[in-house]
Amino acid sequence: MIRAVESEQHASAPVLAAYSYCEAVTGQQARNFAYGIRLLPAPKRRAMSALYAFSRRVDDIGDGALAGDVKEARLQDTRALLGRIRDGAVEDDDTDPVAVALAHAARTFPIPLGGLDELIDGVLADVRGETYETWDDLKVYCRCVAGAIGRLSLGVFGTEPGARGAERAPEYADTLGLALQLTNILRDVREDAEGGRTYLPADDLAKFGCSAGFDGPTPPEGSDFAGLVHFEVRRARALFAEGYQLLPMLDRRSGACVAAMAGIYRRLLDRIAREPEAVLRGRVSLPGREKAYVAVRGLSGLDTRHVTRQAVRRRA
């Protein structure tokens, strides 16, 4: 079980201002993420916003238009800042609001900040143009850029006292991150190709005749693009099924947050499965009303109860 060790009422005015900045960044840029964290109590919501704002900074460096060597230097500067946060060397009056907020969040919750080092490693792989031959290779990358975020988030959420199997909670959080990242990869396959990036494993691309890549609104000639997408969808669904075992280990509002975020991506995956070629014509997304429905469903505990019933049947 994880408990806060410093109540938010002790946060100084500069810290609260720094959190407000991170919440604004999250609200403007997070989209799917924001729907989930709205369901959290204020201290956890603010800590998650600080994690998001720092992670967004790392991602923006990788996705920006700077030269590769400049990106690498900035990522190393960001790693040095993370080191200062880890060492308790960031004061409340520091001029960087993201650093101030994350430093306070790390004092309040047992956040495994090494996960942000992993995120930086993953974005460095993007900057260097790394590709992946097999699913095992891609999993390493996904664990850096998404699995680590799951484990960081678990540091904020904590687990319920006496939760069965709670020692496996970090594993499930990591797996859920992989499910979300693989869904992202499928959704963004055309956009990534236009940016010169290929994430899907080369083995899978070859198996379905898609090694030529995705540089247009139609699949490569003679390929089984739908077969490729359905193959990856099945893999992602298996990851979701395993990762959802985290839900019964969380308190009601943390579980609702996770169920909402994962549920949005799960529905997005279903939409991609129904019309695979849509990802080559533009970004597939869910309307706001559907995201809101998923958030309400998460808050109701329906997903958690479903996972619990499945676990009981497996043990019977």
Foldseek 3Di string as FASTA:
>chain_A
DWAWPDDPVPDDPLLVVLLVVLVVVCVVPVVLLVLLLVLPPDLLSSLLSLVVVLLVVLVCLLPDDDQLVVSLVVLVVSVVLLVCLVVVNDDSPDPNSSSNNNSVNVNGFVFPSVLVVLLSVLSNCSSVQDEAADPVRLLSSLLNNFLSSLSRSCRSFPFDPPQPPVVCLSVLSSLLRSLLVLLVCLLCQQVQVVVVHDYPHCNLCVVFVQNVGQPALDGPPPGPQLVSLVVSLVVSVVSNLSSLLNLLGTPLSNSLSSQLSSVQSNVQSVVCNVPVSVSSVHGGHDDPVVSNVSSVCSNVCPSVVVSVVVVVVVVD
